Amino acid sequence: MTEFALPCGAKAYLSPVIDLFDGKPVGWSVSPRPDAELVNSSLRAACAQLCPGQSPFCHTDGGIH
Protein backbone atom coordinates (compact mmCIF):
# COMPACT_ATOMS: atom_id res chain seq x y z
CA MET A 1 0.00 0.00 0.00
CA THR A 2 1.31 3.44 -0.92
CA GLU A 3 0.08 6.80 0.33
CA PHE A 4 -0.09 9.79 -2.01
CA ALA A 5 -0.55 13.37 -0.83
CA LEU A 6 -2.85 15.19 -3.24
CA PRO A 7 -2.58 18.91 -4.06
CA CYS A 8 -5.94 19.60 -2.40
CA GLY A 9 -4.59 18.41 0.97
CA ALA A 10 -6.33 15.02 0.83
CA LYS A 11 -4.63 11.63 0.62
CA ALA A 12 -5.11 8.69 -1.73
CA TYR A 13 -3.98 5.11 -1.14
CA LEU A 14 -2.88 2.66 -3.83
CA SER A 15 -2.87 -1.09 -3.21
CA PRO A 16 -1.12 -2.84 -6.12
CA VAL A 17 -0.69 -6.58 -6.64
CA ILE A 18 2.51 -7.37 -8.53
CA ASP A 19 3.26 -10.58 -10.42
CA LEU A 20 6.42 -12.01 -8.83
CA PHE A 21 7.42 -13.64 -12.13
CA ASP A 22 7.70 -10.56 -14.32
CA GLY A 23 7.06 -7.62 -11.97
CA LYS A 24 3.94 -6.46 -13.81
CA PRO A 25 0.86 -5.24 -11.92
CA VAL A 26 -2.02 -7.72 -12.16
CA GLY A 27 -4.52 -5.96 -9.90
CA TRP A 28 -4.86 -2.70 -8.02
CA SER A 29 -7.28 -0.50 -6.14
CA VAL A 30 -7.29 3.16 -5.09
CA SER A 31 -9.16 4.57 -2.10
CA PRO A 32 -9.24 7.62 0.17
CA ARG A 33 -8.84 5.26 3.18
CA PRO A 34 -6.21 2.59 3.92
CA ASP A 35 -8.64 -0.11 5.02
CA ALA A 36 -9.12 -3.84 4.53
CA GLU A 37 -11.58 -3.32 1.67
CA LEU A 38 -8.88 -1.52 -0.34
CA VAL A 39 -6.53 -4.49 -0.04
CA ASN A 40 -9.27 -7.08 -0.53
CA SER A 41 -10.49 -5.39 -3.71
CA SER A 42 -7.00 -5.37 -5.23
CA LEU A 43 -6.60 -9.07 -4.37
CA ARG A 44 -9.98 -9.85 -5.97
CA ALA A 45 -8.90 -7.96 -9.12
CA ALA A 46 -5.66 -9.96 -9.28
CA CYS A 47 -7.43 -13.29 -8.72
CA ALA A 48 -9.83 -12.47 -11.55
CA GLN A 49 -6.80 -12.61 -13.90
CA LEU A 50 -6.04 -16.26 -13.02
CA CYS A 51 -6.76 -19.01 -15.53
CA PRO A 52 -8.73 -22.07 -14.40
CA GLY A 53 -6.53 -24.35 -12.33
CA GLN A 54 -4.01 -21.66 -11.38
CA SER A 55 -3.51 -20.82 -7.74
CA PRO A 56 -1.89 -17.64 -6.43
CA PHE A 57 1.02 -17.29 -4.05
CA CYS A 58 0.75 -14.27 -1.78
CA HIS A 59 3.76 -12.50 -0.29
CA THR A 60 3.61 -9.41 1.91
CA ASP A 61 6.48 -7.25 3.06
CA GLY A 62 5.04 -7.34 6.58
CA GLY A 63 4.10 -3.67 6.65
CA ILE A 64 1.80 -2.16 9.25
CA HIS A 65 -1.41 -2.53 7.21
PDB file of N, CA and C in Angstrom:
ATOM      1  N   MET A   1       0.848  -1.155   0.000  1.00  0.00           N
ATOM      2  CA  MET A   1       0.000   0.000   0.000  1.00  0.00           C
ATOM      3  C   MET A   1       0.902   1.229   0.000  1.00  0.00           C
ATOM      4  N   THR A   2       0.537   2.202  -0.808  1.00  0.00           N
ATOM      5  CA  THR A   2       1.307   3.437  -0.921  1.00  0.00           C
ATOM      6  C   THR A   2       0.383   4.624  -0.714  1.00  0.00           C
ATOM      7  N   GLU A   3       0.853   5.592   0.056  1.00  0.00           N
ATOM      8  CA  GLU A   3       0.076   6.801   0.330  1.00  0.00           C
ATOM      9  C   GLU A   3       0.558   7.917  -0.585  1.00  0.00           C
ATOM     10  N   PHE A   4      -0.392   8.635  -1.172  1.00  0.00           N
ATOM     11  CA  PHE A   4      -0.087   9.791  -2.007  1.00  0.00           C
ATOM     12  C   PHE A   4      -0.745  11.022  -1.408  1.00  0.00           C
ATOM     13  N   ALA A   5       0.005  12.088  -1.267  1.00  0.00           N
ATOM     14  CA  ALA A   5      -0.552  13.369  -0.826  1.00  0.00           C
ATOM     15  C   ALA A   5      -1.024  14.111  -2.074  1.00  0.00           C
ATOM     16  N   LEU A   6      -2.278  14.491  -2.094  1.00  0.00           N
ATOM     17  CA  LEU A   6      -2.855  15.188  -3.236  1.00  0.00           C
ATOM     18  C   LEU A   6      -2.738  16.696  -3.055  1.00  0.00           C
ATOM     19  N   PRO A   7      -2.733  17.460  -4.156  1.00  0.00           N
ATOM     20  CA  PRO A   7      -2.579  18.913  -4.061  1.00  0.00           C
ATOM     21  C   PRO A   7      -3.655  19.597  -3.220  1.00  0.00           C
ATOM     22  N   CYS A   8      -4.835  18.992  -3.140  1.00  0.00           N
ATOM     23  CA  CYS A   8      -5.941  19.596  -2.395  1.00  0.00           C
ATOM     24  C   CYS A   8      -5.820  19.369  -0.886  1.00  0.00           C
ATOM     25  N   GLY A   9      -4.766  18.684  -0.451  1.00  0.00           N
ATOM     26  CA  GLY A   9      -4.589  18.411   0.973  1.00  0.00           C
ATOM     27  C   GLY A   9      -5.107  17.050   1.396  1.00  0.00           C
ATOM     28  N   ALA A  10      -5.815  16.362   0.522  1.00  0.00           N
ATOM     29  CA  ALA A  10      -6.326  15.023   0.825  1.00  0.00           C
ATOM     30  C   ALA A  10      -5.246  13.983   0.545  1.00  0.00           C
ATOM     31  N   LYS A  11      -5.547  12.736   0.886  1.00  0.00           N
ATOM     32  CA  LYS A  11      -4.632  11.632   0.622  1.00  0.00           C
ATOM     33  C   LYS A  11      -5.357  10.562  -0.183  1.00  0.00           C
ATOM     34  N   ALA A  12      -4.595   9.830  -0.989  1.00  0.00           N
ATOM     35  CA  ALA A  12      -5.109   8.687  -1.732  1.00  0.00           C
ATOM     36  C   ALA A  12      -4.182   7.515  -1.455  1.00  0.00           C
ATOM     37  N   TYR A  13      -4.737   6.319  -1.434  1.00  0.00           N
ATOM     38  CA  TYR A  13      -3.976   5.114  -1.137  1.00  0.00           C
ATOM     39  C   TYR A  13      -4.099   4.141  -2.298  1.00  0.00           C
ATOM     40  N   LEU A  14      -2.961   3.620  -2.739  1.00  0.00           N
ATOM     41  CA  LEU A  14      -2.883   2.661  -3.832  1.00  0.00           C
ATOM     42  C   LEU A  14      -2.460   1.317  -3.261  1.00  0.00           C
ATOM     43  N   SER A  15      -3.211   0.276  -3.623  1.00  0.00           N
ATOM     44  CA  SER A  15      -2.870  -1.087  -3.212  1.00  0.00           C
ATOM     45  C   SER A  15      -2.650  -1.919  -4.477  1.00  0.00           C
ATOM     46  N   PRO A  16      -1.394  -2.043  -4.933  1.00  0.00           N
ATOM     47  CA  PRO A  16      -1.117  -2.842  -6.124  1.00  0.00           C
ATOM     48  C   PRO A  16      -0.814  -4.295  -5.783  1.00  0.00           C
ATOM     49  N   VAL A  17      -1.102  -5.181  -6.723  1.00  0.00           N
ATOM     50  CA  VAL A  17      -0.692  -6.582  -6.636  1.00  0.00           C
ATOM     51  C   VAL A  17       0.241  -6.811  -7.815  1.00  0.00           C
ATOM     52  N   ILE A  18       1.474  -7.221  -7.523  1.00  0.00           N
ATOM     53  CA  ILE A  18       2.506  -7.374  -8.528  1.00  0.00           C
ATOM     54  C   ILE A  18       2.785  -8.853  -8.777  1.00  0.00           C
ATOM     55  N   ASP A  19       2.896  -9.221 -10.042  1.00  0.00           N
ATOM     56  CA  ASP A  19       3.256 -10.583 -10.417  1.00  0.00           C
ATOM     57  C   ASP A  19       4.736 -10.795 -10.083  1.00  0.00           C
ATOM     58  N   LEU A  20       5.039 -11.768  -9.232  1.00  0.00           N
ATOM     59  CA  LEU A  20       6.417 -12.011  -8.826  1.00  0.00           C
ATOM     60  C   LEU A  20       7.280 -12.564  -9.952  1.00  0.00           C
ATOM     61  N   PHE A  21       6.655 -13.096 -11.010  1.00  0.00           N
ATOM     62  CA  PHE A  21       7.419 -13.641 -12.131  1.00  0.00           C
ATOM     63  C   PHE A  21       8.027 -12.546 -12.991  1.00  0.00           C
ATOM     64  N   ASP A  22       7.201 -11.578 -13.396  1.00  0.00           N
ATOM     65  CA  ASP A  22       7.699 -10.558 -14.319  1.00  0.00           C
ATOM     66  C   ASP A  22       7.607  -9.122 -13.789  1.00  0.00           C
ATOM     67  N   GLY A  23       7.111  -8.956 -12.573  1.00  0.00           N
ATOM     68  CA  GLY A  23       7.061  -7.623 -11.970  1.00  0.00           C
ATOM     69  C   GLY A  23       5.951  -6.730 -12.478  1.00  0.00           C
ATOM     70  N   LYS A  24       5.034  -7.260 -13.273  1.00  0.00           N
ATOM     71  CA  LYS A  24       3.937  -6.459 -13.813  1.00  0.00           C
ATOM     72  C   LYS A  24       2.767  -6.419 -12.835  1.00  0.00           C
ATOM     73  N   PRO A  25       2.052  -5.294 -12.775  1.00  0.00           N
ATOM     74  CA  PRO A  25       0.860  -5.235 -11.920  1.00  0.00           C
ATOM     75  C   PRO A  25      -0.265  -6.080 -12.526  1.00  0.00           C
ATOM     76  N   VAL A  26      -0.916  -6.883 -11.683  1.00  0.00           N
ATOM     77  CA  VAL A  26      -2.018  -7.722 -12.155  1.00  0.00           C
ATOM     78  C   VAL A  26      -3.345  -7.346 -11.507  1.00  0.00           C
ATOM     79  N   GLY A  27      -3.318  -6.447 -10.551  1.00  0.00           N
ATOM     80  CA  GLY A  27      -4.525  -5.959  -9.903  1.00  0.00           C
ATOM     81  C   GLY A  27      -4.168  -4.776  -9.036  1.00  0.00           C
ATOM     82  N   TRP A  28      -5.104  -3.861  -8.868  1.00  0.00           N
ATOM     83  CA  TRP A  28      -4.856  -2.701  -8.017  1.00  0.00           C
ATOM     84  C   TRP A  28      -6.180  -2.059  -7.642  1.00  0.00           C
ATOM     85  N   SER A  29      -6.134  -1.282  -6.586  1.00  0.00           N
ATOM     86  CA  SER A  29      -7.278  -0.497  -6.137  1.00  0.00           C
ATOM     87  C   SER A  29      -6.761   0.819  -5.576  1.00  0.00           C
ATOM     88  N   VAL A  30      -7.605   1.843  -5.644  1.00  0.00           N
ATOM     89  CA  VAL A  30      -7.295   3.163  -5.094  1.00  0.00           C
ATOM     90  C   VAL A  30      -8.448   3.567  -4.193  1.00  0.00           C
ATOM     91  N   SER A  31      -8.131   4.181  -3.050  1.00  0.00           N
ATOM     92  CA  SER A  31      -9.163   4.574  -2.096  1.00  0.00           C
ATOM     93  C   SER A  31      -8.691   5.774  -1.283  1.00  0.00           C
ATOM     94  N   PRO A  32      -9.635   6.531  -0.723  1.00  0.00           N
ATOM     95  CA  PRO A  32      -9.243   7.619   0.170  1.00  0.00           C
ATOM     96  C   PRO A  32      -8.905   7.133   1.583  1.00  0.00           C
ATOM     97  N   ARG A  33      -9.118   5.820   1.851  1.00  0.00           N
ATOM     98  CA  ARG A  33      -8.838   5.260   3.178  1.00  0.00           C
ATOM     99  C   ARG A  33      -7.999   3.986   3.058  1.00  0.00           C
ATOM    100  N   PRO A  34      -7.017   3.807   3.934  1.00  0.00           N
ATOM    101  CA  PRO A  34      -6.207   2.586   3.917  1.00  0.00           C
ATOM    102  C   PRO A  34      -6.851   1.482   4.753  1.00  0.00           C
ATOM    103  N   ASP A  35      -7.911   0.895   4.237  1.00  0.00           N
ATOM    104  CA  ASP A  35      -8.637  -0.108   5.017  1.00  0.00           C
ATOM    105  C   ASP A  35      -8.564  -1.485   4.352  1.00  0.00           C
ATOM    106  N   ALA A  36      -9.151  -2.466   5.021  1.00  0.00           N
ATOM    107  CA  ALA A  36      -9.118  -3.844   4.529  1.00  0.00           C
ATOM    108  C   ALA A  36      -9.821  -3.976   3.182  1.00  0.00           C
ATOM    109  N   GLU A  37     -10.866  -3.230   2.946  1.00  0.00           N
ATOM    110  CA  GLU A  37     -11.579  -3.322   1.671  1.00  0.00           C
ATOM    111  C   GLU A  37     -10.691  -2.909   0.503  1.00  0.00           C
ATOM    112  N   LEU A  38      -9.820  -1.934   0.710  1.00  0.00           N
ATOM    113  CA  LEU A  38      -8.882  -1.523  -0.335  1.00  0.00           C
ATOM    114  C   LEU A  38      -7.995  -2.700  -0.733  1.00  0.00           C
ATOM    115  N   VAL A  39      -7.413  -3.364   0.239  1.00  0.00           N
ATOM    116  CA  VAL A  39      -6.531  -4.493  -0.036  1.00  0.00           C
ATOM    117  C   VAL A  39      -7.313  -5.667  -0.611  1.00  0.00           C
ATOM    118  N   ASN A  40      -8.460  -5.967  -0.038  1.00  0.00           N
ATOM    119  CA  ASN A  40      -9.270  -7.084  -0.534  1.00  0.00           C
ATOM    120  C   ASN A  40      -9.705  -6.870  -1.980  1.00  0.00           C
ATOM    121  N   SER A  41     -10.058  -5.647  -2.338  1.00  0.00           N
ATOM    122  CA  SER A  41     -10.495  -5.395  -3.714  1.00  0.00           C
ATOM    123  C   SER A  41      -9.346  -5.546  -4.706  1.00  0.00           C
ATOM    124  N   SER A  42      -8.136  -5.172  -4.319  1.00  0.00           N
ATOM    125  CA  SER A  42      -7.003  -5.367  -5.226  1.00  0.00           C
ATOM    126  C   SER A  42      -6.670  -6.854  -5.365  1.00  0.00           C
ATOM    127  N   LEU A  43      -6.811  -7.620  -4.283  1.00  0.00           N
ATOM    128  CA  LEU A  43      -6.598  -9.073  -4.374  1.00  0.00           C
ATOM    129  C   LEU A  43      -7.654  -9.738  -5.238  1.00  0.00           C
ATOM    130  N   ARG A  44      -8.913  -9.296  -5.128  1.00  0.00           N
ATOM    131  CA  ARG A  44      -9.977  -9.847  -5.974  1.00  0.00           C
ATOM    132  C   ARG A  44      -9.692  -9.545  -7.449  1.00  0.00           C
ATOM    133  N   ALA A  45      -9.226  -8.332  -7.738  1.00  0.00           N
ATOM    134  CA  ALA A  45      -8.899  -7.962  -9.121  1.00  0.00           C
ATOM    135  C   ALA A  45      -7.773  -8.835  -9.657  1.00  0.00           C
ATOM    136  N   ALA A  46      -6.769  -9.111  -8.845  1.00  0.00           N
ATOM    137  CA  ALA A  46      -5.662  -9.955  -9.281  1.00  0.00           C
ATOM    138  C   ALA A  46      -6.120 -11.399  -9.496  1.00  0.00           C
ATOM    139  N   CYS A  47      -6.936 -11.913  -8.592  1.00  0.00           N
ATOM    140  CA  CYS A  47      -7.426 -13.290  -8.721  1.00  0.00           C
ATOM    141  C   CYS A  47      -8.317 -13.465  -9.937  1.00  0.00           C
ATOM    142  N   ALA A  48      -8.982 -12.405 -10.354  1.00  0.00           N
ATOM    143  CA  ALA A  48      -9.827 -12.467 -11.550  1.00  0.00           C
ATOM    144  C   ALA A  48      -9.000 -12.684 -12.812  1.00  0.00           C
ATOM    145  N   GLN A  49      -7.692 -12.423 -12.753  1.00  0.00           N
ATOM    146  CA  GLN A  49      -6.803 -12.609 -13.902  1.00  0.00           C
ATOM    147  C   GLN A  49      -6.292 -14.049 -14.023  1.00  0.00           C
ATOM    148  N   LEU A  50      -6.534 -14.880 -13.004  1.00  0.00           N
ATOM    149  CA  LEU A  50      -6.037 -16.256 -13.021  1.00  0.00           C
ATOM    150  C   LEU A  50      -6.813 -17.115 -14.012  1.00  0.00           C
ATOM    151  N   CYS A  51      -6.121 -18.028 -14.652  1.00  0.00           N
ATOM    152  CA  CYS A  51      -6.760 -19.005 -15.526  1.00  0.00           C
ATOM    153  C   CYS A  51      -7.264 -20.164 -14.669  1.00  0.00           C
ATOM    154  N   PRO A  52      -8.241 -20.923 -15.165  1.00  0.00           N
ATOM    155  CA  PRO A  52      -8.731 -22.066 -14.404  1.00  0.00           C
ATOM    156  C   PRO A  52      -7.574 -23.017 -14.042  1.00  0.00           C
ATOM    157  N   GLY A  53      -7.556 -23.443 -12.801  1.00  0.00           N
ATOM    158  CA  GLY A  53      -6.529 -24.352 -12.332  1.00  0.00           C
ATOM    159  C   GLY A  53      -5.303 -23.673 -11.739  1.00  0.00           C
ATOM    160  N   GLN A  54      -5.137 -22.382 -11.970  1.00  0.00           N
ATOM    161  CA  GLN A  54      -4.014 -21.662 -11.382  1.00  0.00           C
ATOM    162  C   GLN A  54      -4.336 -21.301  -9.941  1.00  0.00           C
ATOM    163  N   SER A  55      -3.309 -21.248  -9.119  1.00  0.00           N
ATOM    164  CA  SER A  55      -3.511 -20.821  -7.740  1.00  0.00           C
ATOM    165  C   SER A  55      -2.447 -19.780  -7.399  1.00  0.00           C
ATOM    166  N   PRO A  56      -2.838 -18.720  -6.709  1.00  0.00           N
ATOM    167  CA  PRO A  56      -1.893 -17.639  -6.426  1.00  0.00           C
ATOM    168  C   PRO A  56      -0.996 -17.950  -5.237  1.00  0.00           C
ATOM    169  N   PHE A  57       0.111 -17.257  -5.186  1.00  0.00           N
ATOM    170  CA  PHE A  57       1.022 -17.291  -4.050  1.00  0.00           C
ATOM    171  C   PHE A  57       1.107 -15.855  -3.563  1.00  0.00           C
ATOM    172  N   CYS A  58       0.788 -15.628  -2.321  1.00  0.00           N
ATOM    173  CA  CYS A  58       0.748 -14.270  -1.778  1.00  0.00           C
ATOM    174  C   CYS A  58       1.940 -14.022  -0.876  1.00  0.00           C
ATOM    175  N   HIS A  59       2.644 -12.906  -1.125  1.00  0.00           N
ATOM    176  CA  HIS A  59       3.764 -12.496  -0.291  1.00  0.00           C
ATOM    177  C   HIS A  59       3.532 -11.060   0.140  1.00  0.00           C
ATOM    178  N   THR A  60       3.724 -10.772   1.408  1.00  0.00           N
ATOM    179  CA  THR A  60       3.612  -9.406   1.911  1.00  0.00           C
ATOM    180  C   THR A  60       4.934  -8.999   2.506  1.00  0.00           C
ATOM    181  N   ASP A  61       5.220  -7.715   2.474  1.00  0.00           N
ATOM    182  CA  ASP A  61       6.481  -7.250   3.063  1.00  0.00           C
ATOM    183  C   ASP A  61       6.376  -7.097   4.572  1.00  0.00           C
ATOM    184  N   GLY A  62       5.209  -7.414   5.130  1.00  0.00           N
ATOM    185  CA  GLY A  62       5.039  -7.339   6.576  1.00  0.00           C
ATOM    186  C   GLY A  62       4.848  -5.927   7.097  1.00  0.00           C
ATOM    187  N   GLY A  63       4.338  -5.055   6.237  1.00  0.00           N
ATOM    188  CA  GLY A  63       4.099  -3.673   6.647  1.00  0.00           C
ATOM    189  C   GLY A  63       3.039  -3.578   7.724  1.00  0.00           C
ATOM    190  N   ILE A  64       2.724  -2.358   8.135  1.00  0.00           N
ATOM    191  CA  ILE A  64       1.803  -2.160   9.245  1.00  0.00           C
ATOM    192  C   ILE A  64       0.344  -2.377   8.880  1.00  0.00           C
ATOM    193  N   HIS A  65       0.002  -2.382   7.590  1.00  0.00           N
ATOM    194  CA  HIS A  65      -1.407  -2.528   7.210  1.00  0.00           C
ATOM    195  C   HIS A  65      -1.738  -3.983   7.046  1.00  0.00           C
TER     196      HIS A  65
END
